Protein backbone atom coordinates (compact mmCIF):
# COMPACT_ATOMS: atom_id res chain seq x y z
CA MET A 1 84.83 135.55 87.67
CA ASN A 2 81.48 135.51 89.49
CA LYS A 3 82.04 134.82 92.74
CA SER A 4 80.18 131.55 93.22
CA LYS A 5 82.59 129.92 90.75
CA LEU A 6 85.14 131.10 92.62
CA LEU A 7 84.05 129.58 95.83
CA ARG A 8 82.44 126.56 94.19
CA ASP A 9 85.52 125.92 92.66
CA LEU A 10 87.29 126.41 96.56
CA ILE A 11 84.38 123.58 97.98
CA LEU A 12 85.45 121.28 94.91
CA ASP A 13 89.76 121.68 94.95
CA LYS A 14 91.27 118.99 96.32
CA GLU A 15 92.15 121.14 98.77
CA THR A 16 90.23 121.93 102.27
CA LEU A 17 88.91 125.26 102.53
CA ILE A 18 88.15 126.54 105.35
CA MET A 19 86.02 129.35 106.19
CA PRO A 20 85.88 131.01 109.59
CA ASN A 21 82.49 132.57 110.87
CA ALA A 22 82.04 136.62 110.24
CA TYR A 23 79.23 138.36 112.89
CA ASP A 24 80.42 141.47 111.67
CA PRO A 25 82.79 143.59 108.72
CA ILE A 26 84.87 144.30 110.19
CA SER A 27 85.52 140.20 111.95
CA ALA A 28 85.08 139.44 108.09
CA ARG A 29 87.85 141.61 107.12
CA MET A 30 90.89 140.09 109.64
CA ILE A 31 89.58 136.84 108.22
CA GLU A 32 90.77 137.82 104.46
CA LYS A 33 93.58 139.66 106.24
CA ALA A 34 95.01 136.69 107.78
CA GLY A 35 94.73 135.41 104.36
CA PHE A 36 91.88 132.70 104.33
CA LYS A 37 89.55 133.07 101.21
CA ALA A 38 85.99 132.72 101.50
CA VAL A 39 83.58 133.91 104.95
CA GLN A 40 80.34 132.50 106.41
CA CYS A 41 78.57 134.43 108.29
CA SER A 42 76.90 132.82 111.48
CA GLY A 43 73.13 133.69 111.81
CA TYR A 44 74.01 132.29 115.59
CA SER A 45 77.21 134.62 115.23
CA PHE A 46 74.29 138.01 114.38
CA SER A 47 72.42 137.10 116.95
CA ILE A 48 75.11 137.62 120.24
CA GLN A 49 76.42 140.67 118.27
CA ALA A 50 72.94 142.01 118.43
CA ALA A 51 72.44 141.02 122.03
CA TYR A 52 69.73 138.90 121.30
CA PRO A 53 68.38 136.72 123.41
CA ARG A 54 67.68 133.85 120.34
CA GLU A 55 69.05 133.00 117.10
CA SER A 56 65.66 133.61 115.64
CA ASN A 57 64.69 136.49 117.03
CA ILE A 58 66.32 138.09 113.81
CA THR A 59 64.45 139.13 110.75
CA LEU A 60 64.97 138.93 107.23
CA ASP A 61 65.70 142.11 107.22
CA ASP A 62 68.57 141.98 110.53
CA ASN A 63 69.71 138.98 108.34
CA LEU A 64 70.49 140.55 104.39
CA LYS A 65 71.58 144.25 106.16
CA TRP A 66 74.45 142.38 108.69
CA THR A 67 75.25 140.50 105.16
CA ARG A 68 75.69 142.91 102.84
CA ARG A 69 78.51 144.61 104.74
CA ILE A 70 79.83 142.19 105.00
CA VAL A 71 80.15 141.89 101.42
CA GLU A 72 80.89 145.06 100.37
CA ALA A 73 84.09 145.29 103.34
CA VAL A 74 85.96 142.26 101.70
CA ASP A 75 87.09 141.02 98.28
CA VAL A 76 86.31 137.12 99.42
CA PRO A 77 83.60 134.88 97.89
CA VAL A 78 80.66 135.42 100.92
CA MET A 79 78.57 132.77 102.28
CA ALA A 80 75.61 133.91 104.04
CA ASP A 81 73.12 132.07 106.59
CA ALA A 82 69.67 131.40 104.50
CA GLU A 83 69.05 130.08 108.35
CA ASP A 84 65.60 127.94 107.01
CA GLY A 85 64.57 130.09 104.60
CA TYR A 86 62.36 131.88 106.59
CA GLY A 87 59.76 130.72 105.73
CA ASP A 88 57.51 128.10 103.75
CA ILE A 89 58.28 126.21 100.50
CA LYS A 90 57.29 128.78 98.91
CA THR A 91 58.62 131.70 100.28
CA ILE A 92 62.16 130.20 99.05
CA PRO A 93 62.40 131.80 95.50
CA GLU A 94 62.40 135.22 97.46
CA THR A 95 65.01 134.50 99.68
CA VAL A 96 67.48 132.96 97.22
CA GLU A 97 66.73 136.21 95.43
CA LYS A 98 66.81 138.65 97.97
CA PHE A 99 70.50 136.93 99.37
CA MET A 100 71.49 137.21 95.47
CA LYS A 101 71.25 140.95 94.54
CA VAL A 102 73.24 141.73 98.34
CA GLY A 103 76.37 139.77 96.60
CA VAL A 104 76.86 136.52 97.93
CA ALA A 105 78.08 133.56 96.58
CA GLY A 106 76.19 131.18 98.12
CA LEU A 107 74.36 130.41 101.53
CA ASN A 108 73.17 127.41 103.92
CA LEU A 109 69.36 126.49 103.91
CA GLU A 110 69.00 123.84 106.58
CA ASP A 111 66.04 122.00 107.68
CA GLN A 112 65.64 123.03 111.46
CA ILE A 113 62.10 124.42 112.69
CA LEU A 114 63.39 127.77 113.59
CA GLY A 115 62.52 129.12 116.75
CA LYS A 116 59.81 126.23 118.27
CA PRO A 117 59.83 125.76 121.58
CA GLY A 118 61.34 122.36 122.77
CA PRO A 119 63.31 120.39 121.76
CA LEU A 120 65.03 120.57 118.39
CA GLU A 121 62.72 119.46 115.93
CA ILE A 122 63.61 118.69 111.16
CA VAL A 123 61.08 119.30 108.65
CA ASP A 124 60.21 116.44 106.80
CA GLU A 125 62.64 115.41 104.67
CA GLU A 126 60.22 115.63 101.80
CA VAL A 127 60.46 119.63 102.30
CA MET A 128 63.72 120.20 102.85
CA VAL A 129 64.36 118.58 99.53
CA GLN A 130 61.93 121.12 98.22
CA LYS A 131 63.60 124.20 99.45
CA ILE A 132 66.84 123.12 98.28
CA THR A 133 64.85 122.14 94.74
CA LEU A 134 63.27 125.78 94.39
CA ALA A 135 66.70 127.08 96.09
CA ARG A 136 68.41 126.55 92.79
CA GLU A 137 65.75 126.80 90.25
CA ALA A 138 66.14 130.79 91.76
CA ALA A 139 69.80 130.72 91.36
CA GLU A 140 69.52 129.47 88.10
CA VAL A 141 66.29 131.59 86.49
CA LYS A 142 68.65 134.80 87.90
CA GLY A 143 71.72 134.06 86.27
CA ASN A 144 73.67 132.07 88.53
CA SER A 145 74.27 128.36 88.27
CA ASP A 146 77.10 127.97 90.29
CA LEU A 147 75.39 129.60 93.51
CA VAL A 148 76.82 127.91 96.81
CA ILE A 149 74.19 126.03 98.19
CA ASN A 150 74.93 124.36 101.20
CA GLY A 151 71.76 121.70 102.59
CA ARG A 152 72.18 121.27 106.64
CA THR A 153 70.62 119.03 108.22
CA ASP A 154 69.52 119.18 111.93
CA ALA A 155 68.95 115.74 111.76
CA LEU A 156 72.10 114.65 114.72
CA LYS A 157 70.28 115.67 117.44
CA SER A 158 66.68 114.98 116.29
CA THR A 159 66.93 111.58 118.49
CA PRO A 160 68.39 110.32 121.18
CA ASP A 161 69.56 106.74 119.69
CA ARG A 162 73.35 108.79 118.16
CA GLU A 163 73.43 105.90 115.24
CA GLU A 164 69.72 106.34 114.41
CA ALA A 165 70.38 110.30 113.85
CA LEU A 166 73.52 109.68 112.34
CA ASN A 167 71.81 107.37 109.50
CA ILE A 168 69.35 109.86 108.76
CA ALA A 169 71.56 112.26 108.82
CA ILE A 170 73.21 110.97 105.82
CA GLU A 171 70.18 109.95 104.69
CA ARG A 172 69.18 113.79 104.07
CA ALA A 173 72.26 114.71 103.28
CA ASN A 174 72.61 112.63 100.06
CA ALA A 175 68.83 113.68 99.54
CA TYR A 176 69.45 117.34 100.07
CA LEU A 177 73.26 117.06 96.92
CA ASP A 178 70.91 114.63 94.75
CA ALA A 179 68.53 118.15 94.51
CA GLY A 180 70.93 120.38 93.90
CA ALA A 181 72.87 121.41 97.41
CA THR A 182 76.74 122.26 96.29
CA LEU A 183 78.09 119.89 99.54
CA ALA A 184 76.03 119.05 102.46
CA PHE A 185 76.19 120.29 105.69
CA ILE A 186 75.56 117.39 109.50
CA VAL A 187 76.20 119.21 112.36
CA TYR A 188 76.28 118.11 114.99
CA THR A 189 79.13 115.96 113.94
CA ALA A 190 81.02 114.79 117.76
CA THR A 191 83.82 112.30 117.04
CA MET A 192 86.63 110.89 114.96
CA GLU A 193 84.64 108.21 113.69
CA GLU A 194 81.10 110.08 113.38
CA VAL A 195 83.46 112.04 110.92
CA LEU A 196 85.32 108.75 108.71
CA THR A 197 81.52 107.45 108.85
CA ILE A 198 79.71 110.91 107.11
CA THR A 199 82.94 111.48 104.18
CA ARG A 200 82.58 107.59 103.35
CA GLU A 201 78.56 107.23 102.63
CA VAL A 202 78.21 110.98 102.26
CA LYS A 203 78.57 111.03 97.79
CA GLY A 204 79.24 114.32 97.28
CA PRO A 205 81.58 117.19 99.50
CA VAL A 206 80.51 117.51 102.78
CA THR A 207 80.86 120.30 105.83
CA ILE A 208 82.16 119.93 109.42
CA ALA A 209 81.70 122.33 111.90
CA ALA A 210 85.58 122.41 114.42
CA GLY A 211 86.33 124.17 117.35
CA MET A 212 82.68 123.66 118.86
CA PRO A 213 82.09 123.01 122.06
CA TYR A 214 80.85 119.60 121.85
CA ASN A 215 83.50 118.48 119.85
CA LEU A 216 86.91 120.66 120.24
CA HIS A 217 89.33 117.88 121.68
CA ASN A 218 87.45 114.74 119.30
CA PHE A 219 89.41 116.31 116.31
CA SER A 220 91.67 118.91 114.76
CA ILE A 221 92.13 120.82 111.30
CA SER A 222 94.86 118.55 110.60
CA ASP A 223 92.41 115.52 111.02
CA LEU A 224 89.25 116.18 109.54
CA LYS A 225 91.73 117.34 106.13
CA LYS A 226 92.71 114.02 106.10
CA CYS A 227 89.60 112.74 106.03
CA GLY A 228 88.87 114.92 103.07
CA VAL A 229 86.02 116.83 104.51
CA ALA A 230 85.66 119.64 101.60
CA ARG A 231 84.60 122.31 104.23
CA ILE A 232 85.64 123.19 106.96
CA SER A 233 83.50 125.96 109.02
CA LEU A 234 84.00 127.24 112.39
CA PRO A 235 80.86 129.36 113.51
CA SER A 236 81.35 131.01 116.96
CA LEU A 237 85.52 131.06 117.41
CA LEU A 238 85.30 134.40 116.31
CA ILE A 239 82.43 135.70 118.49
CA TYR A 240 83.58 133.56 121.26
CA SER A 241 86.77 134.95 121.58
CA SER A 242 86.27 138.67 121.32
CA LEU A 243 83.87 137.78 124.57
CA LYS A 244 86.72 136.75 126.10
CA SER A 245 88.97 138.91 125.38
CA MET A 246 86.37 142.62 126.07
CA GLN A 247 85.92 140.56 129.42
CA LYS A 248 89.46 140.02 129.44
CA ALA A 249 90.31 144.06 128.91
CA LEU A 250 87.01 144.56 130.81
CA LYS A 251 88.74 143.06 134.25
CA HIS A 252 91.56 144.67 133.99
CA VAL A 253 89.60 148.35 133.80
CA LYS A 254 88.24 147.20 136.63
CA MET A 255 90.97 145.95 138.48
CA ASP A 256 93.54 149.41 137.60
CA GLU A 257 95.53 146.35 135.97
CA MET A 258 95.48 148.32 132.29
CA GLU A 259 99.03 148.33 132.42
CA LYS A 260 99.10 144.55 132.11
CA LEU A 261 96.76 145.56 128.56
CA MET A 262 100.00 146.72 127.22
CA ASP A 263 102.75 143.92 128.83
CA ASN A 264 100.55 140.94 127.31
CA ASP A 265 100.04 142.93 123.94
CA ASP A 266 96.71 141.97 125.07
CA LEU A 267 95.73 144.90 122.71
CA TYR A 268 95.90 145.77 118.65
CA SER A 269 98.30 148.35 117.65
CA VAL A 270 96.51 151.41 116.16
CA GLU A 271 99.09 150.92 112.70
CA ASP A 272 97.34 147.27 112.41
CA LEU A 273 93.76 148.51 112.73
CA ASN A 274 95.18 151.86 110.19
CA LYS A 275 96.36 149.08 107.64
CA LEU A 276 93.58 146.93 108.39
CA LEU A 277 90.65 149.57 107.22
């Protein structure tokens, strides 16, 4: 089956799709081995694994190279993080084609102005609508009308008035769906009340990011499932937990306490690694 169609069907299915975010091929394979049905690439996690100070330091070539390696490491569908499309409106068809060539089943497109110093800013709604329209047209021209387009809005951080920001985010989410997005992604969703409002007022499938510092204690995976969220993204779970595990292991080494790594079962076994590879 076309992996874009498979991913689209998983998103439109009644069961919520949970997509942990990979930062390299081995983390992607761990996601697959754990039984998850699809993998999300994360530009933020890519920047951390490369030790870049900012996500905006990732070039399109970087992104394509790292995404290709993840696609080649797993059999499940992979969704790319195409950031803001790496340029203005006219660059979108070429960007989408390049991601399709590396074998992705879908991609994120976001409305924030990436890499701009100062407070977060988002592009005009009309500009983002055109980007999504062109992305959908590019996919159809290349014979993949099922390509999943996750229309992301950062509007919840576009103004200090939270109620106004939520209204803007919902309006944009609906506009992106109308323009051809498969689903809408409202990032920075922080409370159950916001989740309920979004799932009620967005006229199509919705993505919510979970496990973030701003919402970790406010709702669970089960809560999001009950609300009818179509797709749950876990943008930083694996990279953060990996860093913490490495920090812990190195501390034991520094303190000459390596035996604690074995006592606490903190090391991945060679047998499990061989199976994974």
